[in-house]
Amino acid sequence: MLPELKDLFDAISNAANTTTLLINFKSLGLKIPSVAVKEFYNNDAEVSKILDLCFYRKQVMWENHSYEDIDWCMNSLKDLRDNCDSISESFPLRKDPKSKDFVFANLLRAWANYCDEAYKDILKLELTGKSLQSILSNFRKKAYPIVVTFIYALPDGYISRINALQKLEYGVKNSNLHIRHVIPNWSIEL
């Protein structure tokens, strides 16, 4: 491939990743300065660690509903919330809106809040008549845009990105969701 063509493809890929991040920030109600977004991109090891601890290892995020039970889900959601909180607290500049720490901390806090909501819904399971499957599907539908935001912060071809996209696809399928519920819909107009 010609170097110019490769540069063009890389530029389009970066624009697509950035657009996905910005759309997710808006849909999550987060106001993040562009300086912090730029810093957020240059943290492959940190993003990979977060995806590993809070997504790959937490089957409640992607496992088929037929393998889940109430106690297991509650424990997993509590553990996931604790992971999100402890990682969020580990960022020293988490209150500075111009730092990448602010982006990480806010995304992780939103994720932890979704865990709390799902946990409370499971506690009220018998009162509401909802199924465990519907509660977890709703939880995943809310949490997946955060996961996608972390995934799209990784470079194309990065092994953690590839693995996370595979788990995400598995989770979307197991939750009876559609990919449009998870990855923002946008188009380039010429």
N, C-alpha and C. Protein backbone atom coordinates (compact mmCIF):
# COMPACT_ATOMS: atom_id res chain seq x y z
N MET A 1 0.85 -1.17 0.00
CA MET A 1 0.00 0.00 0.00
C MET A 1 0.89 1.24 0.00
N LEU A 2 0.51 2.22 -0.75
CA LEU A 2 1.25 3.47 -0.80
C LEU A 2 1.22 4.17 0.57
N PRO A 3 2.34 4.78 0.94
CA PRO A 3 2.38 5.45 2.24
C PRO A 3 1.29 6.53 2.39
N GLU A 4 1.02 7.24 1.30
CA GLU A 4 0.00 8.30 1.35
C GLU A 4 -1.38 7.70 1.63
N LEU A 5 -1.65 6.55 1.00
CA LEU A 5 -2.93 5.89 1.19
C LEU A 5 -3.05 5.35 2.61
N LYS A 6 -1.95 4.79 3.12
CA LYS A 6 -1.96 4.31 4.50
C LYS A 6 -2.21 5.46 5.46
N ASP A 7 -1.56 6.61 5.23
CA ASP A 7 -1.77 7.78 6.08
C ASP A 7 -3.23 8.23 6.04
N LEU A 8 -3.84 8.19 4.87
CA LEU A 8 -5.25 8.56 4.73
C LEU A 8 -6.15 7.62 5.53
N PHE A 9 -5.90 6.31 5.41
CA PHE A 9 -6.68 5.33 6.16
C PHE A 9 -6.49 5.51 7.66
N ASP A 10 -5.27 5.78 8.10
CA ASP A 10 -5.02 6.01 9.52
C ASP A 10 -5.76 7.25 10.02
N ALA A 11 -5.76 8.31 9.20
CA ALA A 11 -6.46 9.54 9.58
C ALA A 11 -7.96 9.30 9.70
N ILE A 12 -8.53 8.55 8.76
CA ILE A 12 -9.96 8.23 8.81
C ILE A 12 -10.27 7.38 10.04
N SER A 13 -9.41 6.41 10.33
CA SER A 13 -9.60 5.56 11.49
C SER A 13 -9.56 6.38 12.78
N ASN A 14 -8.58 7.29 12.90
CA ASN A 14 -8.48 8.13 14.09
C ASN A 14 -9.69 9.04 14.23
N ALA A 15 -10.17 9.57 13.10
CA ALA A 15 -11.36 10.43 13.13
C ALA A 15 -12.58 9.63 13.59
N ALA A 16 -12.70 8.40 13.11
CA ALA A 16 -13.83 7.55 13.51
C ALA A 16 -13.76 7.23 15.00
N ASN A 17 -12.58 6.90 15.50
CA ASN A 17 -12.43 6.60 16.92
C ASN A 17 -12.75 7.82 17.78
N THR A 18 -12.25 8.98 17.39
CA THR A 18 -12.50 10.21 18.14
C THR A 18 -13.98 10.56 18.13
N THR A 19 -14.61 10.43 16.98
CA THR A 19 -16.05 10.71 16.87
C THR A 19 -16.84 9.79 17.79
N THR A 20 -16.48 8.51 17.83
CA THR A 20 -17.17 7.56 18.71
C THR A 20 -17.02 7.98 20.17
N LEU A 21 -15.81 8.38 20.57
CA LEU A 21 -15.59 8.83 21.94
C LEU A 21 -16.46 10.04 22.27
N LEU A 22 -16.46 11.02 21.38
CA LEU A 22 -17.20 12.25 21.65
C LEU A 22 -18.70 12.01 21.71
N ILE A 23 -19.21 11.16 20.83
CA ILE A 23 -20.64 10.84 20.85
C ILE A 23 -20.98 10.11 22.15
N ASN A 24 -20.12 9.20 22.58
CA ASN A 24 -20.37 8.49 23.84
C ASN A 24 -20.31 9.44 25.03
N PHE A 25 -19.35 10.37 25.04
CA PHE A 25 -19.28 11.33 26.13
C PHE A 25 -20.59 12.11 26.22
N LYS A 26 -21.09 12.54 25.08
CA LYS A 26 -22.33 13.32 25.05
C LYS A 26 -23.51 12.47 25.54
N SER A 27 -23.60 11.23 25.06
CA SER A 27 -24.72 10.38 25.46
C SER A 27 -24.67 10.02 26.94
N LEU A 28 -23.47 10.00 27.52
CA LEU A 28 -23.32 9.71 28.95
C LEU A 28 -23.46 10.96 29.81
N GLY A 29 -23.61 12.11 29.16
CA GLY A 29 -23.76 13.36 29.90
C GLY A 29 -22.46 13.88 30.47
N LEU A 30 -21.34 13.47 29.88
CA LEU A 30 -20.03 13.92 30.37
C LEU A 30 -19.53 15.08 29.51
N LYS A 31 -19.05 16.12 30.17
CA LYS A 31 -18.46 17.25 29.46
C LYS A 31 -16.96 17.17 29.68
N ILE A 32 -16.25 16.79 28.64
CA ILE A 32 -14.81 16.56 28.74
C ILE A 32 -14.10 17.51 27.78
N PRO A 33 -13.14 18.31 28.28
CA PRO A 33 -12.39 19.20 27.40
C PRO A 33 -11.53 18.40 26.41
N SER A 34 -11.30 18.97 25.24
CA SER A 34 -10.55 18.26 24.20
C SER A 34 -9.13 17.94 24.64
N VAL A 35 -8.53 18.76 25.50
CA VAL A 35 -7.18 18.49 26.01
C VAL A 35 -7.16 17.15 26.74
N ALA A 36 -8.17 16.91 27.55
CA ALA A 36 -8.25 15.66 28.32
C ALA A 36 -8.49 14.47 27.40
N VAL A 37 -9.29 14.66 26.35
CA VAL A 37 -9.55 13.58 25.39
C VAL A 37 -8.25 13.19 24.69
N LYS A 38 -7.45 14.18 24.33
CA LYS A 38 -6.17 13.91 23.66
C LYS A 38 -5.26 13.08 24.57
N GLU A 39 -5.21 13.44 25.85
CA GLU A 39 -4.40 12.68 26.81
C GLU A 39 -4.93 11.27 27.01
N PHE A 40 -6.25 11.14 26.97
CA PHE A 40 -6.92 9.85 27.18
C PHE A 40 -6.45 8.83 26.15
N TYR A 41 -6.19 9.30 24.92
CA TYR A 41 -5.78 8.42 23.84
C TYR A 41 -4.42 7.77 24.05
N ASN A 42 -3.56 8.38 24.81
CA ASN A 42 -2.18 7.90 24.92
C ASN A 42 -1.95 7.08 26.17
N ASN A 43 -2.88 6.19 26.49
CA ASN A 43 -2.78 5.39 27.71
C ASN A 43 -3.19 3.95 27.45
N ASP A 44 -2.57 3.33 26.47
CA ASP A 44 -2.95 1.97 26.08
C ASP A 44 -2.86 0.99 27.24
N ALA A 45 -1.81 1.08 28.04
CA ALA A 45 -1.64 0.14 29.16
C ALA A 45 -2.73 0.32 30.21
N GLU A 46 -3.06 1.56 30.52
CA GLU A 46 -4.10 1.83 31.52
C GLU A 46 -5.47 1.37 31.03
N VAL A 47 -5.78 1.66 29.77
CA VAL A 47 -7.07 1.24 29.20
C VAL A 47 -7.16 -0.28 29.16
N SER A 48 -6.08 -0.93 28.75
CA SER A 48 -6.07 -2.40 28.71
C SER A 48 -6.29 -2.99 30.10
N LYS A 49 -5.68 -2.39 31.12
CA LYS A 49 -5.85 -2.86 32.50
C LYS A 49 -7.31 -2.72 32.93
N ILE A 50 -7.93 -1.59 32.61
CA ILE A 50 -9.33 -1.37 32.97
C ILE A 50 -10.23 -2.39 32.28
N LEU A 51 -10.01 -2.59 30.98
CA LEU A 51 -10.81 -3.57 30.24
C LEU A 51 -10.62 -4.97 30.82
N ASP A 52 -9.39 -5.30 31.21
CA ASP A 52 -9.12 -6.61 31.77
C ASP A 52 -9.84 -6.81 33.10
N LEU A 53 -9.72 -5.85 34.01
CA LEU A 53 -10.29 -5.99 35.35
C LEU A 53 -11.81 -5.81 35.39
N CYS A 54 -12.32 -4.96 34.51
CA CYS A 54 -13.74 -4.60 34.60
C CYS A 54 -14.60 -5.17 33.47
N PHE A 55 -13.98 -5.78 32.48
CA PHE A 55 -14.79 -6.30 31.38
C PHE A 55 -14.50 -7.77 31.11
N TYR A 56 -13.26 -8.11 30.71
CA TYR A 56 -12.95 -9.52 30.40
C TYR A 56 -13.23 -10.44 31.58
N ARG A 57 -12.76 -10.05 32.76
CA ARG A 57 -12.85 -10.92 33.93
C ARG A 57 -14.21 -10.91 34.61
N LYS A 58 -15.08 -10.03 34.21
CA LYS A 58 -16.41 -9.92 34.82
C LYS A 58 -17.43 -10.48 33.85
N GLN A 59 -17.74 -11.75 34.03
CA GLN A 59 -18.65 -12.43 33.11
C GLN A 59 -20.05 -11.83 33.13
N VAL A 60 -20.40 -11.13 34.19
CA VAL A 60 -21.70 -10.47 34.25
C VAL A 60 -21.84 -9.45 33.12
N MET A 61 -20.72 -9.03 32.56
CA MET A 61 -20.73 -8.06 31.46
C MET A 61 -21.03 -8.70 30.10
N TRP A 62 -20.84 -10.01 29.96
CA TRP A 62 -20.98 -10.60 28.63
C TRP A 62 -21.53 -12.02 28.59
N GLU A 63 -21.58 -12.73 29.70
CA GLU A 63 -21.95 -14.15 29.70
C GLU A 63 -23.42 -14.36 29.32
N ASN A 64 -23.69 -15.53 28.77
CA ASN A 64 -25.05 -15.91 28.41
C ASN A 64 -25.91 -16.01 29.67
N HIS A 65 -27.13 -15.52 29.60
CA HIS A 65 -28.03 -15.48 30.76
C HIS A 65 -28.32 -16.86 31.35
N SER A 66 -28.28 -17.87 30.53
CA SER A 66 -28.61 -19.21 31.04
C SER A 66 -27.56 -19.74 32.02
N TYR A 67 -26.38 -19.14 32.05
CA TYR A 67 -25.33 -19.57 32.97
C TYR A 67 -25.28 -18.74 34.24
N GLU A 68 -26.20 -17.80 34.40
CA GLU A 68 -26.14 -16.87 35.52
C GLU A 68 -27.23 -17.17 36.54
N ASP A 69 -26.91 -16.93 37.81
CA ASP A 69 -27.95 -17.00 38.84
C ASP A 69 -27.89 -15.72 39.66
N ILE A 70 -28.89 -15.52 40.48
CA ILE A 70 -29.06 -14.25 41.19
C ILE A 70 -27.88 -13.95 42.12
N ASP A 71 -27.48 -14.92 42.94
CA ASP A 71 -26.38 -14.69 43.88
C ASP A 71 -25.07 -14.37 43.16
N TRP A 72 -24.80 -15.15 42.13
CA TRP A 72 -23.57 -14.94 41.36
C TRP A 72 -23.57 -13.53 40.74
N CYS A 73 -24.69 -13.12 40.16
CA CYS A 73 -24.78 -11.80 39.53
C CYS A 73 -24.62 -10.68 40.55
N MET A 74 -25.25 -10.83 41.70
CA MET A 74 -25.14 -9.79 42.73
C MET A 74 -23.70 -9.65 43.20
N ASN A 75 -23.04 -10.78 43.44
CA ASN A 75 -21.64 -10.72 43.87
C ASN A 75 -20.75 -10.13 42.78
N SER A 76 -21.00 -10.51 41.55
CA SER A 76 -20.20 -10.01 40.45
C SER A 76 -20.41 -8.50 40.24
N LEU A 77 -21.65 -8.05 40.34
CA LEU A 77 -21.93 -6.62 40.19
C LEU A 77 -21.29 -5.81 41.32
N LYS A 78 -21.34 -6.35 42.54
CA LYS A 78 -20.72 -5.67 43.69
C LYS A 78 -19.20 -5.60 43.49
N ASP A 79 -18.61 -6.70 43.03
CA ASP A 79 -17.17 -6.73 42.79
C ASP A 79 -16.79 -5.78 41.65
N LEU A 80 -17.58 -5.75 40.59
CA LEU A 80 -17.32 -4.84 39.47
C LEU A 80 -17.41 -3.39 39.93
N ARG A 81 -18.42 -3.07 40.72
CA ARG A 81 -18.55 -1.71 41.25
C ARG A 81 -17.34 -1.34 42.09
N ASP A 82 -16.90 -2.26 42.94
CA ASP A 82 -15.71 -2.01 43.77
C ASP A 82 -14.47 -1.81 42.92
N ASN A 83 -14.32 -2.61 41.86
CA ASN A 83 -13.18 -2.44 40.94
C ASN A 83 -13.22 -1.06 40.30
N CYS A 84 -14.38 -0.67 39.79
CA CYS A 84 -14.52 0.64 39.15
C CYS A 84 -14.19 1.76 40.13
N ASP A 85 -14.71 1.65 41.35
CA ASP A 85 -14.45 2.68 42.37
C ASP A 85 -12.97 2.76 42.74
N SER A 86 -12.35 1.61 42.96
CA SER A 86 -10.94 1.64 43.39
C SER A 86 -10.03 2.14 42.26
N ILE A 87 -10.31 1.75 41.04
CA ILE A 87 -9.50 2.25 39.92
C ILE A 87 -9.73 3.75 39.76
N SER A 88 -10.98 4.17 39.87
CA SER A 88 -11.31 5.60 39.76
C SER A 88 -10.56 6.42 40.81
N GLU A 89 -10.52 5.91 42.02
CA GLU A 89 -9.84 6.61 43.12
C GLU A 89 -8.32 6.64 42.94
N SER A 90 -7.79 5.74 42.11
CA SER A 90 -6.34 5.67 41.93
C SER A 90 -5.79 6.78 41.04
N PHE A 91 -6.66 7.54 40.39
CA PHE A 91 -6.21 8.63 39.51
C PHE A 91 -6.03 9.90 40.33
N PRO A 92 -4.78 10.37 40.49
CA PRO A 92 -4.52 11.50 41.38
C PRO A 92 -5.18 12.81 40.93
N LEU A 93 -5.33 13.02 39.63
CA LEU A 93 -5.89 14.28 39.15
C LEU A 93 -7.34 14.11 38.69
N ARG A 94 -8.06 13.21 39.35
CA ARG A 94 -9.42 12.88 38.92
C ARG A 94 -10.40 14.05 39.02
N LYS A 95 -10.06 15.09 39.76
CA LYS A 95 -10.96 16.24 39.89
C LYS A 95 -10.57 17.39 38.98
N ASP A 96 -9.48 17.24 38.24
CA ASP A 96 -9.03 18.28 37.32
C ASP A 96 -9.62 18.02 35.93
N PRO A 97 -10.59 18.84 35.49
CA PRO A 97 -11.28 18.56 34.23
C PRO A 97 -10.38 18.59 32.99
N LYS A 98 -9.17 19.08 33.13
CA LYS A 98 -8.27 19.15 31.97
C LYS A 98 -7.32 17.96 31.90
N SER A 99 -7.46 17.00 32.81
CA SER A 99 -6.54 15.87 32.81
C SER A 99 -7.23 14.59 32.35
N LYS A 100 -6.44 13.68 31.86
CA LYS A 100 -6.96 12.37 31.45
C LYS A 100 -7.55 11.62 32.65
N ASP A 101 -7.02 11.87 33.83
CA ASP A 101 -7.53 11.23 35.04
C ASP A 101 -9.02 11.55 35.24
N PHE A 102 -9.40 12.76 34.88
CA PHE A 102 -10.80 13.18 34.98
C PHE A 102 -11.68 12.32 34.07
N VAL A 103 -11.21 12.06 32.86
CA VAL A 103 -11.96 11.23 31.91
C VAL A 103 -12.10 9.82 32.46
N PHE A 104 -10.98 9.22 32.85
CA PHE A 104 -11.00 7.86 33.39
C PHE A 104 -11.95 7.77 34.60
N ALA A 105 -11.78 8.68 35.55
CA ALA A 105 -12.55 8.64 36.79
C ALA A 105 -14.05 8.79 36.52
N ASN A 106 -14.43 9.69 35.64
CA ASN A 106 -15.84 9.90 35.35
C ASN A 106 -16.47 8.70 34.64
N LEU A 107 -15.74 8.12 33.70
CA LEU A 107 -16.26 6.93 33.01
C LEU A 107 -16.43 5.77 34.00
N LEU A 108 -15.45 5.58 34.85
CA LEU A 108 -15.52 4.49 35.82
C LEU A 108 -16.61 4.73 36.87
N ARG A 109 -16.82 5.97 37.27
CA ARG A 109 -17.90 6.27 38.21
C ARG A 109 -19.27 6.01 37.59
N ALA A 110 -19.43 6.37 36.32
CA ALA A 110 -20.70 6.10 35.63
C ALA A 110 -20.94 4.60 35.56
N TRP A 111 -19.90 3.84 35.24
CA TRP A 111 -19.99 2.38 35.17
C TRP A 111 -20.39 1.81 36.53
N ALA A 112 -19.76 2.30 37.60
CA ALA A 112 -20.08 1.84 38.95
C ALA A 112 -21.53 2.17 39.31
N ASN A 113 -22.02 3.32 38.88
CA ASN A 113 -23.42 3.68 39.14
C ASN A 113 -24.38 2.72 38.45
N TYR A 114 -24.05 2.31 37.23
CA TYR A 114 -24.89 1.33 36.52
C TYR A 114 -24.89 -0.02 37.25
N CYS A 115 -23.75 -0.38 37.83
CA CYS A 115 -23.68 -1.61 38.63
C CYS A 115 -24.62 -1.51 39.84
N ASP A 116 -24.60 -0.36 40.51
CA ASP A 116 -25.49 -0.16 41.66
C ASP A 116 -26.95 -0.27 41.26
N GLU A 117 -27.30 0.35 40.14
CA GLU A 117 -28.69 0.29 39.67
C GLU A 117 -29.12 -1.16 39.41
N ALA A 118 -28.27 -1.91 38.72
CA ALA A 118 -28.60 -3.31 38.42
C ALA A 118 -28.69 -4.14 39.70
N TYR A 119 -27.78 -3.89 40.63
CA TYR A 119 -27.79 -4.60 41.92
C TYR A 119 -29.12 -4.35 42.65
N LYS A 120 -29.54 -3.11 42.71
CA LYS A 120 -30.80 -2.76 43.38
C LYS A 120 -32.00 -3.39 42.66
N ASP A 121 -31.95 -3.40 41.32
CA ASP A 121 -33.03 -4.03 40.55
C ASP A 121 -33.12 -5.53 40.84
N ILE A 122 -31.97 -6.18 41.01
CA ILE A 122 -31.97 -7.61 41.32
C ILE A 122 -32.53 -7.85 42.73
N LEU A 123 -32.20 -6.95 43.66
CA LEU A 123 -32.75 -7.07 45.01
C LEU A 123 -34.28 -7.00 45.00
N LYS A 124 -34.83 -6.19 44.10
CA LYS A 124 -36.29 -6.02 44.01
C LYS A 124 -36.91 -6.94 42.96
N LEU A 125 -36.18 -7.94 42.55
CA LEU A 125 -36.60 -8.83 41.46
C LEU A 125 -38.00 -9.41 41.66
N GLU A 126 -38.26 -9.93 42.83
CA GLU A 126 -39.55 -10.58 43.08
C GLU A 126 -40.69 -9.57 43.19
N LEU A 127 -40.38 -8.37 43.64
CA LEU A 127 -41.42 -7.34 43.76
C LEU A 127 -41.83 -6.77 42.41
N THR A 128 -40.85 -6.63 41.52
CA THR A 128 -41.13 -5.99 40.23
C THR A 128 -41.60 -6.97 39.16
N GLY A 129 -41.27 -8.24 39.33
CA GLY A 129 -41.64 -9.23 38.32
C GLY A 129 -40.73 -9.24 37.11
N LYS A 130 -39.65 -8.45 37.15
CA LYS A 130 -38.69 -8.46 36.04
C LYS A 130 -37.88 -9.76 36.09
N SER A 131 -37.37 -10.14 34.95
CA SER A 131 -36.50 -11.31 34.91
C SER A 131 -35.04 -10.87 35.07
N LEU A 132 -34.23 -11.80 35.53
CA LEU A 132 -32.80 -11.52 35.65
C LEU A 132 -32.23 -11.16 34.28
N GLN A 133 -32.69 -11.83 33.25
CA GLN A 133 -32.21 -11.55 31.90
C GLN A 133 -32.51 -10.11 31.49
N SER A 134 -33.70 -9.61 31.77
CA SER A 134 -34.04 -8.25 31.37
C SER A 134 -33.24 -7.22 32.17
N ILE A 135 -32.99 -7.50 33.45
CA ILE A 135 -32.19 -6.59 34.27
C ILE A 135 -30.76 -6.52 33.76
N LEU A 136 -30.18 -7.68 33.48
CA LEU A 136 -28.79 -7.70 32.99
C LEU A 136 -28.68 -7.11 31.59
N SER A 137 -29.67 -7.36 30.75
CA SER A 137 -29.66 -6.77 29.40
C SER A 137 -29.71 -5.24 29.49
N ASN A 138 -30.56 -4.73 30.37
CA ASN A 138 -30.67 -3.29 30.55
C ASN A 138 -29.36 -2.71 31.11
N PHE A 139 -28.76 -3.42 32.07
CA PHE A 139 -27.47 -3.00 32.64
C PHE A 139 -26.40 -2.95 31.54
N ARG A 140 -26.33 -3.99 30.74
CA ARG A 140 -25.32 -4.04 29.68
C ARG A 140 -25.56 -2.95 28.64
N LYS A 141 -26.82 -2.72 28.32
CA LYS A 141 -27.15 -1.67 27.34
C LYS A 141 -26.64 -0.31 27.82
N LYS A 142 -26.71 -0.06 29.11
CA LYS A 142 -26.22 1.20 29.68
C LYS A 142 -24.70 1.22 29.78
N ALA A 143 -24.11 0.09 30.18
CA ALA A 143 -22.66 0.04 30.44
C ALA A 143 -21.82 -0.11 29.17
N TYR A 144 -22.36 -0.74 28.15
CA TYR A 144 -21.56 -1.00 26.95
C TYR A 144 -21.02 0.27 26.26
N PRO A 145 -21.74 1.39 26.23
CA PRO A 145 -21.12 2.58 25.64
C PRO A 145 -19.84 3.01 26.38
N ILE A 146 -19.77 2.75 27.68
CA ILE A 146 -18.54 3.05 28.41
C ILE A 146 -17.44 2.09 27.98
N VAL A 147 -17.78 0.82 27.87
CA VAL A 147 -16.81 -0.18 27.41
C VAL A 147 -16.32 0.19 26.01
N VAL A 148 -17.24 0.57 25.14
CA VAL A 148 -16.87 0.96 23.77
C VAL A 148 -15.95 2.18 23.79
N THR A 149 -16.20 3.11 24.69
CA THR A 149 -15.34 4.29 24.81
C THR A 149 -13.92 3.86 25.14
N PHE A 150 -13.77 2.94 26.07
CA PHE A 150 -12.42 2.44 26.39
C PHE A 150 -11.83 1.67 25.21
N ILE A 151 -12.63 0.84 24.57
CA ILE A 151 -12.12 0.06 23.43
C ILE A 151 -11.62 0.97 22.32
N TYR A 152 -12.39 2.00 22.01
CA TYR A 152 -12.02 2.89 20.91
C TYR A 152 -10.87 3.83 21.27
N ALA A 153 -10.46 3.85 22.52
CA ALA A 153 -9.28 4.61 22.91
C ALA A 153 -8.00 3.84 22.59
N LEU A 154 -8.14 2.55 22.28
CA LEU A 154 -6.98 1.73 21.92
C LEU A 154 -6.76 1.80 20.40
N PRO A 155 -5.52 1.66 19.97
CA PRO A 155 -5.24 1.70 18.52
C PRO A 155 -5.82 0.49 17.79
N ASP A 156 -6.15 0.69 16.52
CA ASP A 156 -6.60 -0.42 15.68
C ASP A 156 -5.53 -1.50 15.67
N GLY A 157 -5.94 -2.76 15.71
CA GLY A 157 -5.00 -3.87 15.66
C GLY A 157 -4.39 -4.23 17.01
N TYR A 158 -4.61 -3.45 18.02
CA TYR A 158 -4.09 -3.71 19.36
C TYR A 158 -4.81 -4.94 19.91
N ILE A 159 -4.09 -5.89 20.45
CA ILE A 159 -4.67 -7.17 20.85
C ILE A 159 -5.78 -7.00 21.89
N SER A 160 -5.62 -6.09 22.83
CA SER A 160 -6.67 -5.85 23.83
C SER A 160 -7.94 -5.34 23.17
N ARG A 161 -7.79 -4.52 22.15
CA ARG A 161 -8.96 -4.00 21.43
C ARG A 161 -9.69 -5.13 20.70
N ILE A 162 -8.93 -5.97 20.04
CA ILE A 162 -9.52 -7.08 19.30
C ILE A 162 -10.27 -8.02 20.25
N ASN A 163 -9.62 -8.39 21.35
CA ASN A 163 -10.25 -9.28 22.34
C ASN A 163 -11.51 -8.65 22.95
N ALA A 164 -11.43 -7.37 23.27
CA ALA A 164 -12.58 -6.69 23.86
C ALA A 164 -13.75 -6.62 22.88
N LEU A 165 -13.46 -6.36 21.61
CA LEU A 165 -14.53 -6.32 20.61
C LEU A 165 -15.19 -7.68 20.46
N GLN A 166 -14.41 -8.75 20.57
CA GLN A 166 -14.98 -10.10 20.49
C GLN A 166 -15.90 -10.38 21.69
N LYS A 167 -15.45 -10.01 22.89
CA LYS A 167 -16.29 -10.18 24.09
C LYS A 167 -17.54 -9.31 23.99
N LEU A 168 -17.38 -8.10 23.49
CA LEU A 168 -18.51 -7.20 23.33
C LEU A 168 -19.54 -7.79 22.37
N GLU A 169 -19.07 -8.32 21.28
CA GLU A 169 -19.98 -8.95 20.32
C GLU A 169 -20.72 -10.13 20.96
N TYR A 170 -19.99 -10.92 21.73
CA TYR A 170 -20.58 -12.05 22.44
C TYR A 170 -21.64 -11.57 23.43
N GLY A 171 -21.32 -10.52 24.18
CA GLY A 171 -22.25 -9.98 25.16
C GLY A 171 -23.48 -9.36 24.52
N VAL A 172 -23.31 -8.67 23.40
CA VAL A 172 -24.45 -8.08 22.69
C VAL A 172 -25.39 -9.19 22.23
N LYS A 173 -24.81 -10.24 21.68
CA LYS A 173 -25.61 -11.38 21.22
C LYS A 173 -26.35 -12.04 22.39
N ASN A 174 -25.65 -12.25 23.50
CA ASN A 174 -26.24 -12.91 24.67
C ASN A 174 -27.28 -12.05 25.38
N SER A 175 -27.25 -10.75 25.14
CA SER A 175 -28.20 -9.84 25.80
C SER A 175 -29.37 -9.48 24.90
N ASN A 176 -29.43 -10.10 23.74
CA ASN A 176 -30.48 -9.79 22.76
C ASN A 176 -30.51 -8.30 22.43
N LEU A 177 -29.34 -7.70 22.35
CA LEU A 177 -29.22 -6.31 21.95
C LEU A 177 -28.81 -6.26 20.49
N HIS A 178 -28.84 -5.09 19.94
CA HIS A 178 -28.34 -4.87 18.59
C HIS A 178 -27.13 -3.97 18.70
N ILE A 179 -26.19 -4.13 17.81
CA ILE A 179 -24.95 -3.37 17.89
C ILE A 179 -25.22 -1.86 17.87
N ARG A 180 -26.32 -1.42 17.25
CA ARG A 180 -26.63 0.01 17.22
C ARG A 180 -26.98 0.54 18.61
N HIS A 181 -27.34 -0.35 19.55
CA HIS A 181 -27.59 0.07 20.93
C HIS A 181 -26.28 0.36 21.66
N VAL A 182 -25.19 -0.11 21.10
CA VAL A 182 -23.91 -0.07 21.79
C VAL A 182 -22.91 0.90 21.14
N ILE A 183 -22.79 0.81 19.84
CA ILE A 183 -21.85 1.67 19.12
C ILE A 183 -22.65 2.78 18.47
N PRO A 184 -22.25 4.04 18.70
CA PRO A 184 -23.03 5.15 18.18
C PRO A 184 -23.13 5.12 16.66
N ASN A 185 -24.24 5.60 16.19
CA ASN A 185 -24.50 5.64 14.76
C ASN A 185 -24.13 7.03 14.24
N TRP A 186 -23.20 7.10 13.33
CA TRP A 186 -22.83 8.35 12.69
C TRP A 186 -22.37 8.05 11.29
N SER A 187 -22.39 9.03 10.45
CA SER A 187 -21.98 8.82 9.06
C SER A 187 -21.19 10.01 8.57
N ILE A 188 -20.39 9.76 7.55
CA ILE A 188 -19.61 10.81 6.90
C ILE A 188 -20.36 11.22 5.66
N GLU A 189 -20.62 12.50 5.55
CA GLU A 189 -21.31 13.00 4.37
C GLU A 189 -20.33 13.79 3.53
N LEU A 190 -20.36 13.54 2.24
CA LEU A 190 -19.48 14.25 1.31
C LEU A 190 -20.19 15.36 0.62
